[in-house]
N, C-alpha and C. Protein backbone atom coordinates (compact mmCIF):
# COMPACT_ATOMS: atom_id res chain seq x y z
N MET A 1 49.74 20.14 22.63
CA MET A 1 48.68 19.66 23.25
C MET A 1 47.45 20.18 23.43
N LYS A 2 47.90 21.46 23.06
CA LYS A 2 46.54 22.48 22.85
C LYS A 2 45.52 22.32 22.43
N LYS A 3 45.83 21.69 21.08
CA LYS A 3 45.29 21.18 20.02
C LYS A 3 44.93 19.67 20.09
N ILE A 4 45.12 18.81 21.25
CA ILE A 4 44.70 17.83 21.39
C ILE A 4 43.49 17.89 22.40
N ILE A 5 43.58 18.69 22.92
CA ILE A 5 42.84 19.23 24.25
C ILE A 5 41.33 19.72 23.33
N SER A 6 41.61 20.58 22.73
CA SER A 6 40.61 21.65 21.82
C SER A 6 40.00 20.42 21.36
N VAL A 7 40.43 19.55 19.97
CA VAL A 7 39.91 18.41 19.51
C VAL A 7 38.92 17.61 20.47
N LEU A 8 39.68 17.31 21.62
CA LEU A 8 38.69 16.22 22.35
C LEU A 8 37.61 16.79 23.04
N VAL A 9 37.32 18.23 23.34
CA VAL A 9 36.63 19.16 24.03
C VAL A 9 35.32 19.31 22.43
N LEU A 10 35.54 19.76 21.71
CA LEU A 10 35.01 19.60 20.50
C LEU A 10 34.43 18.34 20.29
N ALA A 11 35.48 16.92 20.23
CA ALA A 11 34.54 15.61 20.02
C ALA A 11 33.45 15.60 20.92
N VAL A 12 33.42 16.12 22.26
CA VAL A 12 32.66 15.51 23.45
C VAL A 12 31.22 16.22 23.07
N VAL A 13 31.36 17.66 23.20
CA VAL A 13 30.72 18.93 22.55
C VAL A 13 29.78 18.38 21.55
N PHE A 14 30.36 17.82 20.59
CA PHE A 14 29.59 17.14 19.37
C PHE A 14 28.72 15.94 19.37
N SER A 15 29.50 15.01 20.22
CA SER A 15 28.73 13.90 20.61
C SER A 15 27.39 14.18 21.57
N LEU A 16 27.76 15.28 22.45
CA LEU A 16 26.59 15.16 23.42
C LEU A 16 25.66 15.66 22.95
N SER A 17 25.91 17.01 21.73
CA SER A 17 24.71 17.68 20.71
C SER A 17 24.19 16.78 20.19
N SER A 18 24.68 15.62 20.03
CA SER A 18 24.33 14.34 19.37
C SER A 18 23.12 13.46 19.72
N TRP A 19 23.20 13.76 20.93
CA TRP A 19 22.27 12.82 22.02
C TRP A 19 21.38 13.60 22.75
N ALA A 20 21.02 14.85 22.14
CA ALA A 20 20.02 15.70 22.46
C ALA A 20 19.01 15.46 21.12
N GLN A 21 19.18 14.86 20.58
CA GLN A 21 18.56 14.65 19.42
C GLN A 21 17.16 14.42 19.83
N LYS A 22 16.04 14.85 19.26
CA LYS A 22 14.61 14.39 19.87
C LYS A 22 14.17 13.50 18.55
N PHE A 23 13.10 12.42 19.11
CA PHE A 23 12.94 11.38 18.11
C PHE A 23 11.44 11.65 18.84
N ALA A 24 10.51 10.76 18.34
CA ALA A 24 8.69 10.50 18.35
C ALA A 24 8.66 9.65 17.18
N PHE A 25 7.06 8.94 17.32
CA PHE A 25 6.54 8.22 16.46
C PHE A 25 5.24 8.54 16.25
N VAL A 26 4.43 8.09 15.22
CA VAL A 26 3.25 7.94 14.84
C VAL A 26 3.21 6.34 14.22
N ASP A 27 1.65 5.88 14.51
CA ASP A 27 0.99 4.97 13.65
C ASP A 27 0.50 5.16 12.43
N THR A 28 0.69 5.03 11.56
CA THR A 28 0.21 5.73 10.43
C THR A 28 -1.30 5.42 9.92
N ASP A 29 -1.31 3.61 10.17
CA ASP A 29 -2.16 2.64 9.88
C ASP A 29 -3.50 3.50 11.18
N TYR A 30 -3.08 3.86 12.34
CA TYR A 30 -4.27 4.23 13.43
C TYR A 30 -4.72 5.68 12.84
N ILE A 31 -3.45 6.43 12.55
CA ILE A 31 -4.27 8.04 11.80
C ILE A 31 -5.18 7.64 10.41
N LEU A 32 -4.79 6.81 9.97
CA LEU A 32 -5.48 6.79 8.25
C LEU A 32 -6.89 6.29 8.84
N ASN A 33 -7.13 5.33 9.86
CA ASN A 33 -8.24 4.74 10.31
C ASN A 33 -9.47 5.88 10.81
N ASN A 34 -8.59 6.58 11.09
CA ASN A 34 -9.13 7.97 12.15
C ASN A 34 -9.66 8.72 10.82
N ILE A 35 -9.51 9.07 9.58
CA ILE A 35 -9.87 9.74 8.70
C ILE A 35 -11.42 9.18 8.21
N PRO A 36 -12.50 10.09 7.98
CA PRO A 36 -13.55 9.33 7.48
C PRO A 36 -13.36 9.09 5.91
N SER A 37 -12.55 10.06 4.93
CA SER A 37 -12.14 10.13 3.72
C SER A 37 -11.21 8.71 3.40
N TYR A 38 -10.76 8.73 4.03
CA TYR A 38 -10.13 7.38 3.66
C TYR A 38 -10.46 5.78 3.90
N LYS A 39 -11.35 5.81 5.17
CA LYS A 39 -12.35 4.54 5.28
C LYS A 39 -13.32 4.79 3.86
N ALA A 40 -13.58 6.17 3.50
CA ALA A 40 -14.75 5.88 2.22
C ALA A 40 -13.81 5.39 1.37
N ALA A 41 -12.85 5.79 1.13
CA ALA A 41 -11.50 5.37 0.31
C ALA A 41 -11.46 3.85 0.11
N GLN A 42 -11.37 3.42 0.90
CA GLN A 42 -11.34 1.81 1.14
C GLN A 42 -12.12 0.95 0.96
N ASP A 43 -13.35 1.27 1.19
CA ASP A 43 -14.44 0.64 1.33
C ASP A 43 -14.76 0.83 -0.40
N GLN A 44 -14.50 2.01 -1.28
CA GLN A 44 -15.19 1.80 -2.75
C GLN A 44 -13.95 1.10 -3.47
N LEU A 45 -12.75 0.94 -2.99
CA LEU A 45 -11.82 0.18 -3.75
C LEU A 45 -12.03 -0.82 -3.46
N ASP A 46 -12.21 -1.71 -2.38
CA ASP A 46 -12.66 -3.22 -1.60
C ASP A 46 -14.25 -3.34 -2.52
N LYS A 47 -14.72 -2.38 -2.53
CA LYS A 47 -16.13 -2.53 -4.11
C LYS A 47 -15.55 -2.84 -4.99
N LEU A 48 -14.88 -1.86 -5.54
CA LEU A 48 -14.23 -2.06 -6.78
C LEU A 48 -13.77 -3.34 -7.15
N SER A 49 -12.74 -3.92 -6.21
CA SER A 49 -11.95 -5.17 -6.44
C SER A 49 -12.90 -6.20 -6.17
N ALA A 50 -13.79 -6.37 -5.34
CA ALA A 50 -14.85 -7.81 -5.67
C ALA A 50 -15.34 -7.58 -6.49
N ASP A 51 -16.03 -6.71 -7.29
CA ASP A 51 -17.10 -6.72 -8.89
C ASP A 51 -15.50 -6.90 -9.83
N TRP A 52 -14.54 -6.62 -9.78
CA TRP A 52 -13.67 -6.96 -10.93
C TRP A 52 -13.40 -7.98 -11.04
N GLN A 53 -12.65 -8.68 -9.54
CA GLN A 53 -12.77 -10.21 -9.39
C GLN A 53 -14.04 -11.23 -9.59
N LYS A 54 -15.01 -10.73 -9.46
CA LYS A 54 -16.09 -11.60 -9.99
C LYS A 54 -16.33 -11.45 -11.33
N GLU A 55 -15.86 -10.55 -11.97
CA GLU A 55 -16.02 -10.70 -13.38
C GLU A 55 -14.67 -11.48 -13.88
N VAL A 56 -13.76 -11.69 -13.44
CA VAL A 56 -12.33 -12.20 -13.78
C VAL A 56 -12.69 -14.17 -13.50
N GLU A 57 -13.22 -14.14 -12.53
CA GLU A 57 -13.91 -15.25 -12.10
C GLU A 57 -15.08 -15.82 -13.26
N ALA A 58 -15.56 -14.99 -13.46
CA ALA A 58 -16.24 -15.50 -14.43
C ALA A 58 -16.27 -16.21 -15.69
N LYS A 59 -15.16 -15.41 -16.49
CA LYS A 59 -14.25 -15.51 -17.47
C LYS A 59 -13.75 -16.93 -17.10
N TYR A 60 -12.98 -17.05 -15.87
CA TYR A 60 -12.59 -18.36 -15.65
C TYR A 60 -13.31 -19.60 -15.49
N ALA A 61 -14.60 -19.51 -15.42
CA ALA A 61 -15.87 -20.22 -15.05
C ALA A 61 -16.14 -20.42 -16.56
N GLU A 62 -16.06 -19.49 -17.14
CA GLU A 62 -16.58 -19.71 -18.41
C GLU A 62 -15.70 -20.92 -19.65
N ILE A 63 -14.44 -20.34 -19.29
CA ILE A 63 -13.74 -21.22 -20.48
C ILE A 63 -13.13 -22.62 -19.64
N ASP A 64 -13.58 -22.92 -18.18
CA ASP A 64 -13.51 -23.84 -17.86
C ASP A 64 -14.97 -24.98 -18.21
N LYS A 65 -16.19 -24.20 -18.63
CA LYS A 65 -16.81 -24.89 -18.93
C LYS A 65 -16.92 -24.94 -20.49
N ILE A 66 -16.37 -24.51 -21.21
CA ILE A 66 -15.77 -25.03 -22.72
C ILE A 66 -14.64 -26.24 -22.65
N TYR A 67 -13.50 -25.99 -21.80
CA TYR A 67 -12.75 -27.01 -21.94
C TYR A 67 -13.87 -28.87 -21.42
N LYS A 68 -14.68 -28.56 -20.06
CA LYS A 68 -15.55 -29.44 -20.18
C LYS A 68 -16.20 -30.02 -21.33
N SER A 69 -16.49 -28.69 -22.34
CA SER A 69 -17.05 -29.55 -23.07
C SER A 69 -16.48 -30.61 -23.87
N PHE A 70 -15.51 -29.55 -24.38
CA PHE A 70 -14.21 -29.77 -25.57
C PHE A 70 -14.05 -31.23 -25.17
N GLN A 71 -13.54 -31.70 -23.71
CA GLN A 71 -13.41 -32.83 -23.33
C GLN A 71 -13.86 -34.13 -23.72
N THR A 72 -15.71 -33.82 -23.18
CA THR A 72 -16.23 -34.66 -23.83
C THR A 72 -16.55 -35.30 -25.26
N GLU A 73 -16.45 -33.73 -26.17
CA GLU A 73 -16.74 -33.97 -26.99
C GLU A 73 -15.40 -34.24 -28.34
N LYS A 74 -14.68 -34.71 -27.60
CA LYS A 74 -12.99 -34.71 -28.24
C LYS A 74 -13.17 -35.80 -29.20
N VAL A 75 -13.35 -36.61 -28.61
CA VAL A 75 -13.51 -38.42 -29.56
C VAL A 75 -14.04 -38.18 -30.80
N LEU A 76 -15.31 -37.29 -30.85
CA LEU A 76 -16.08 -36.77 -32.18
C LEU A 76 -15.77 -36.00 -33.15
N LEU A 77 -14.50 -35.10 -32.61
CA LEU A 77 -14.17 -34.24 -33.50
C LEU A 77 -13.33 -34.55 -34.65
N SER A 78 -12.94 -33.85 -35.59
CA SER A 78 -12.18 -34.30 -36.61
C SER A 78 -10.75 -33.45 -36.00
N GLU A 79 -10.06 -33.69 -36.60
CA GLU A 79 -8.72 -33.46 -35.92
C GLU A 79 -8.29 -31.55 -36.54
N GLU A 80 -9.04 -31.01 -37.39
CA GLU A 80 -9.49 -30.36 -37.63
C GLU A 80 -10.11 -29.01 -36.58
N MET A 81 -11.05 -29.42 -36.31
CA MET A 81 -12.20 -29.05 -35.09
C MET A 81 -11.79 -28.86 -33.38
N LYS A 82 -10.77 -30.10 -33.57
CA LYS A 82 -9.85 -29.97 -32.04
C LYS A 82 -8.76 -28.63 -31.96
N THR A 83 -8.15 -28.80 -33.17
CA THR A 83 -7.26 -27.60 -33.15
C THR A 83 -8.01 -26.40 -33.15
N LYS A 84 -9.01 -25.89 -34.00
CA LYS A 84 -10.00 -24.56 -33.50
C LYS A 84 -10.35 -24.76 -32.65
N ARG A 85 -11.39 -25.81 -31.95
CA ARG A 85 -11.70 -25.16 -30.34
C ARG A 85 -10.74 -25.51 -29.18
N GLU A 86 -9.08 -25.65 -29.48
CA GLU A 86 -8.34 -25.66 -28.29
C GLU A 86 -8.17 -24.46 -28.76
N GLU A 87 -7.73 -23.91 -29.65
CA GLU A 87 -7.49 -22.04 -30.39
C GLU A 87 -8.27 -21.19 -29.38
N GLU A 88 -9.54 -21.32 -29.69
CA GLU A 88 -10.45 -20.85 -29.60
C GLU A 88 -10.16 -21.12 -27.50
N ILE A 89 -10.49 -22.18 -27.34
CA ILE A 89 -9.64 -22.50 -25.22
C ILE A 89 -8.77 -20.93 -25.11
N VAL A 90 -7.48 -21.54 -25.61
CA VAL A 90 -6.20 -20.55 -25.51
C VAL A 90 -6.95 -18.95 -25.56
N LYS A 91 -7.06 -18.90 -26.41
CA LYS A 91 -7.68 -17.57 -26.91
C LYS A 91 -8.37 -16.98 -25.28
N LYS A 92 -9.63 -18.15 -25.04
CA LYS A 92 -9.93 -16.70 -24.14
C LYS A 92 -9.62 -17.12 -22.80
N GLU A 93 -8.70 -18.22 -22.41
CA GLU A 93 -7.86 -17.62 -21.42
C GLU A 93 -6.98 -16.70 -21.45
N GLN A 94 -6.47 -16.28 -22.31
CA GLN A 94 -5.66 -15.28 -22.44
C GLN A 94 -6.39 -14.01 -22.38
N GLU A 95 -7.57 -13.96 -23.35
CA GLU A 95 -8.21 -12.72 -22.52
C GLU A 95 -8.51 -12.42 -21.06
N ALA A 96 -9.14 -13.50 -20.60
CA ALA A 96 -9.11 -13.64 -19.52
C ALA A 96 -7.35 -13.22 -18.49
N LYS A 97 -6.72 -13.68 -18.61
CA LYS A 97 -5.03 -13.30 -18.29
C LYS A 97 -5.01 -11.77 -18.09
N ASP A 98 -5.44 -11.40 -19.68
CA ASP A 98 -5.38 -9.86 -20.11
C ASP A 98 -6.16 -8.70 -19.12
N LEU A 99 -7.62 -9.37 -18.66
CA LEU A 99 -8.76 -8.74 -17.97
C LEU A 99 -7.89 -8.73 -16.53
N GLN A 100 -7.61 -9.98 -16.01
CA GLN A 100 -6.81 -9.53 -14.55
C GLN A 100 -5.65 -8.53 -14.16
N LYS A 101 -4.65 -8.68 -15.63
CA LYS A 101 -3.89 -7.77 -15.43
C LYS A 101 -4.71 -6.35 -15.78
N LYS A 102 -5.17 -6.49 -16.68
CA LYS A 102 -6.32 -4.55 -16.47
C LYS A 102 -6.60 -4.59 -15.57
N TYR A 103 -6.74 -5.11 -14.68
CA TYR A 103 -7.41 -5.25 -13.50
C TYR A 103 -6.75 -4.73 -12.53
N PHE A 104 -5.62 -5.86 -11.81
CA PHE A 104 -5.12 -5.92 -10.87
C PHE A 104 -3.36 -6.04 -11.20
N GLY A 105 -3.56 -5.62 -12.22
CA GLY A 105 -1.53 -5.79 -12.49
C GLY A 105 -0.61 -4.72 -11.92
N LYS A 106 0.32 -4.55 -12.23
CA LYS A 106 1.00 -3.30 -11.46
C LYS A 106 0.88 -2.39 -11.66
N GLU A 107 0.20 -1.43 -12.70
CA GLU A 107 -0.58 -0.47 -13.51
C GLU A 107 -1.68 -0.44 -13.79
N GLY A 108 -2.16 -1.61 -13.19
CA GLY A 108 -3.90 -1.52 -13.57
C GLY A 108 -4.64 -0.92 -13.00
N SER A 109 -5.86 -0.98 -13.16
CA SER A 109 -6.97 0.20 -12.83
C SER A 109 -7.69 0.00 -11.36
N LEU A 110 -7.16 -0.95 -10.93
CA LEU A 110 -7.24 -0.71 -9.23
C LEU A 110 -5.90 -0.19 -8.80
N PHE A 111 -4.54 -0.41 -8.75
CA PHE A 111 -4.15 0.67 -8.69
C PHE A 111 -3.88 2.06 -9.36
N LYS A 112 -4.43 2.31 -10.40
CA LYS A 112 -4.68 3.72 -10.90
C LYS A 112 -5.61 4.43 -9.87
N LYS A 113 -7.05 3.74 -9.56
CA LYS A 113 -7.71 4.16 -8.59
C LYS A 113 -7.42 4.26 -6.98
N ARG A 114 -6.32 3.42 -6.87
CA ARG A 114 -6.04 3.90 -5.08
C ARG A 114 -4.79 5.35 -5.41
N GLN A 115 -4.29 4.83 -6.22
CA GLN A 115 -3.64 6.33 -6.45
C GLN A 115 -4.02 7.67 -6.62
N GLU A 116 -5.27 7.34 -7.26
CA GLU A 116 -6.62 8.47 -7.05
C GLU A 116 -7.16 8.92 -5.60
N LEU A 117 -7.47 7.58 -5.03
CA LEU A 117 -8.28 8.07 -4.03
C LEU A 117 -7.88 8.44 -2.76
N VAL A 118 -6.77 7.21 -2.44
CA VAL A 118 -5.77 7.01 -1.29
C VAL A 118 -4.42 7.91 -0.89
N LYS A 119 -3.81 8.01 -2.42
CA LYS A 119 -2.82 8.76 -2.32
C LYS A 119 -2.67 10.34 -1.83
N PRO A 120 -3.40 11.16 -2.10
CA PRO A 120 -3.59 12.25 -1.55
C PRO A 120 -3.87 12.57 -0.03
N ILE A 121 -3.90 11.37 0.37
CA ILE A 121 -4.78 11.10 2.16
C ILE A 121 -3.61 11.16 2.75
N GLN A 122 -2.45 10.02 1.73
CA GLN A 122 -1.12 9.65 2.97
C GLN A 122 -0.55 10.84 2.16
N ASP A 123 -0.20 11.75 1.69
CA ASP A 123 0.07 12.88 1.25
C ASP A 123 -0.05 14.23 2.12
N GLU A 124 -1.39 14.21 2.69
CA GLU A 124 -1.77 14.85 3.65
C GLU A 124 -0.94 14.33 5.10
N VAL A 125 -1.32 13.01 5.45
CA VAL A 125 -0.84 13.05 6.79
C VAL A 125 1.20 13.20 6.77
N TYR A 126 1.78 12.84 5.49
CA TYR A 126 2.89 13.12 5.34
C TYR A 126 3.06 14.62 5.57
N ASN A 127 2.41 15.23 4.90
CA ASN A 127 3.00 16.59 5.24
C ASN A 127 2.66 17.09 6.61
N ALA A 128 1.46 16.59 7.05
CA ALA A 128 1.38 17.40 8.65
C ALA A 128 2.62 16.73 9.65
N VAL A 129 2.98 14.94 9.20
CA VAL A 129 3.90 15.05 9.98
C VAL A 129 5.41 15.71 9.83
N LYS A 130 5.77 16.56 8.85
CA LYS A 130 6.89 17.07 8.37
C LYS A 130 6.46 18.17 8.79
N GLU A 131 5.39 18.85 8.69
CA GLU A 131 5.39 20.01 9.32
C GLU A 131 5.82 19.95 11.07
N MET A 132 5.02 19.16 11.56
CA MET A 132 4.88 19.02 13.07
C MET A 132 6.79 18.81 13.67
N SER A 133 7.03 17.91 12.60
CA SER A 133 8.22 17.69 12.89
C SER A 133 9.55 18.45 12.49
N VAL A 134 9.29 19.69 11.74
CA VAL A 134 10.36 21.02 11.85
C VAL A 134 9.71 22.15 12.65
N GLU A 135 8.55 21.95 13.35
CA GLU A 135 8.28 23.11 14.60
C GLU A 135 8.64 22.33 15.86
N GLN A 136 8.25 21.34 15.85
CA GLN A 136 9.00 20.68 17.22
C GLN A 136 10.36 20.69 17.21
N GLY A 137 11.06 20.06 16.59
CA GLY A 137 12.64 19.81 15.82
C GLY A 137 12.84 18.69 16.20
N PHE A 138 12.14 17.96 16.03
CA PHE A 138 12.01 15.90 16.05
C PHE A 138 13.24 15.91 14.69
N ALA A 139 14.24 15.23 15.22
CA ALA A 139 15.28 14.66 13.79
C ALA A 139 14.57 13.51 13.35
N VAL A 140 14.38 12.66 14.09
CA VAL A 140 13.38 11.34 13.41
C VAL A 140 11.83 11.31 13.97
N ILE A 141 11.21 11.19 13.11
CA ILE A 141 9.89 10.45 13.34
C ILE A 141 9.75 9.00 12.92
N PHE A 142 9.21 7.99 13.52
CA PHE A 142 9.34 6.73 13.31
C PHE A 142 8.18 6.37 13.21
N ASP A 143 7.46 5.43 12.02
CA ASP A 143 6.03 5.08 11.85
C ASP A 143 6.22 3.59 12.74
N THR A 144 5.27 3.06 13.64
CA THR A 144 4.95 2.18 14.02
C THR A 144 4.06 1.12 13.13
N ALA A 145 3.48 1.56 12.42
CA ALA A 145 2.52 0.79 11.31
C ALA A 145 3.41 0.36 10.66
N ALA A 146 4.91 0.49 10.30
CA ALA A 146 5.38 0.23 9.35
C ALA A 146 6.13 -1.32 9.64
N GLY A 147 5.93 -1.83 11.28
CA GLY A 147 6.58 -3.21 11.64
C GLY A 147 8.05 -3.12 11.47
N MET A 148 8.74 -1.68 11.86
CA MET A 148 9.93 -2.05 12.05
C MET A 148 10.21 -2.87 13.55
N GLY A 149 9.12 -3.18 14.13
CA GLY A 149 9.94 -3.77 15.35
C GLY A 149 10.73 -3.37 16.51
N MET A 150 9.41 -2.58 16.84
CA MET A 150 10.02 -1.30 18.50
C MET A 150 9.70 -2.10 19.58
N LEU A 151 10.75 -2.44 19.78
CA LEU A 151 10.38 -3.15 21.32
C LEU A 151 9.58 -2.54 22.41
N TYR A 152 9.73 -1.24 22.71
CA TYR A 152 9.03 -0.58 23.66
C TYR A 152 8.88 1.07 23.01
N THR A 153 8.09 1.69 23.21
CA THR A 153 7.72 3.00 22.74
C THR A 153 7.00 3.58 23.67
N ASN A 154 7.72 4.88 24.59
CA ASN A 154 6.97 5.52 25.55
C ASN A 154 5.61 6.16 24.82
N PRO A 155 4.13 6.05 25.20
CA PRO A 155 3.50 6.97 24.66
C PRO A 155 3.26 8.20 24.43
N LYS A 156 4.24 8.76 25.66
CA LYS A 156 4.09 10.41 25.39
C LYS A 156 5.05 10.55 24.42
N ASN A 157 6.03 9.73 23.38
CA ASN A 157 6.25 10.49 22.06
C ASN A 157 5.61 9.83 21.27
N ASP A 158 4.44 9.21 21.11
CA ASP A 158 3.59 9.06 20.16
C ASP A 158 2.62 10.32 19.82
N LYS A 159 3.02 10.43 18.47
CA LYS A 159 2.24 11.77 18.08
C LYS A 159 1.13 11.66 16.96
N SER A 160 0.31 10.54 17.59
CA SER A 160 -0.39 9.89 16.14
C SER A 160 -1.48 11.34 16.03
N ASP A 161 -1.87 11.25 17.61
CA ASP A 161 -3.48 12.35 17.73
C ASP A 161 -2.94 13.38 17.42
N GLU A 162 -1.36 14.13 17.77
CA GLU A 162 -1.62 15.54 17.15
C GLU A 162 -1.67 15.38 15.82
N VAL A 163 -0.77 14.51 15.02
CA VAL A 163 -1.15 14.32 13.41
C VAL A 163 -2.50 14.70 13.43
N LEU A 164 -3.58 13.46 13.91
CA LEU A 164 -4.83 13.94 13.48
C LEU A 164 -5.47 15.43 13.55
N GLN A 165 -4.81 15.86 14.67
CA GLN A 165 -5.69 17.33 15.10
C GLN A 165 -4.96 18.32 14.51
N ARG A 166 -3.67 18.35 13.96
CA ARG A 166 -2.97 19.13 12.80
C ARG A 166 -3.91 18.72 11.37
N MET A 167 -4.59 17.97 11.02
CA MET A 167 -5.16 17.48 9.79
C MET A 167 -6.46 18.08 10.09
N GLY A 168 -7.22 18.24 11.27
CA GLY A 168 -8.05 18.82 11.73
C GLY A 168 -9.02 17.71 12.10
N TYR A 169 -8.53 16.65 12.25
CA TYR A 169 -9.63 15.28 12.84
C TYR A 169 -9.53 15.17 14.12
N LYS A 170 -10.59 14.83 14.96
CA LYS A 170 -10.42 14.18 16.23
C LYS A 170 -10.46 12.78 16.61
N ASN A 171 -9.92 12.56 17.17
CA ASN A 171 -9.22 10.74 17.59
C ASN A 171 -10.59 10.17 17.85
C-alpha cells in the first residue's frame, strides 16, 4: 500500500513539475526584417537573381529567334542542313538549361550566395534565442513566422524584441 501511495505521489509531483514548463515565442521574420544587414543581403540577392534571370531569358529569346528562323527556312534546307540546325537548337537549349541550373539550381550560385550572406545572420539570431532560452529557463520557444498555425499568442510571451536587443539592434 505504501508503495502505491509513493508511486502516486511521485506521479503527481512529476506531472505538476511538467506543467510548470516555460514557453515563449519569437517571430524570426520580424527579427530579421529589423536587422539592417539582413535587408542589405536580401537586396543584394534580389539584384543578383534579377540579373541572372535576365541573362537566362536572353538565352531563351535567342533560342526562340533561331527556332523561328529555322521554321521559316526549313522547306529550303537539305536534310543534312535541317539536322545540323536542329542539333544547334538542341545544343543551345541545353546550354540555357545548364545556365539556369548553374544560377538557380539546388547547389547553384544563388543558393551559395544566400548561404554566404544570410546564413551567418540567421545563425546569430538562433544563438541569441538559444542563449535567452537557457538564461531564462524556457523549455520551448516557438517561431510564429514558421506558420505553425498558433491560434492565440499572448504578447507578453513574445520575445522577438528581446532577441533583437540581445543582438544589439533596436526595434
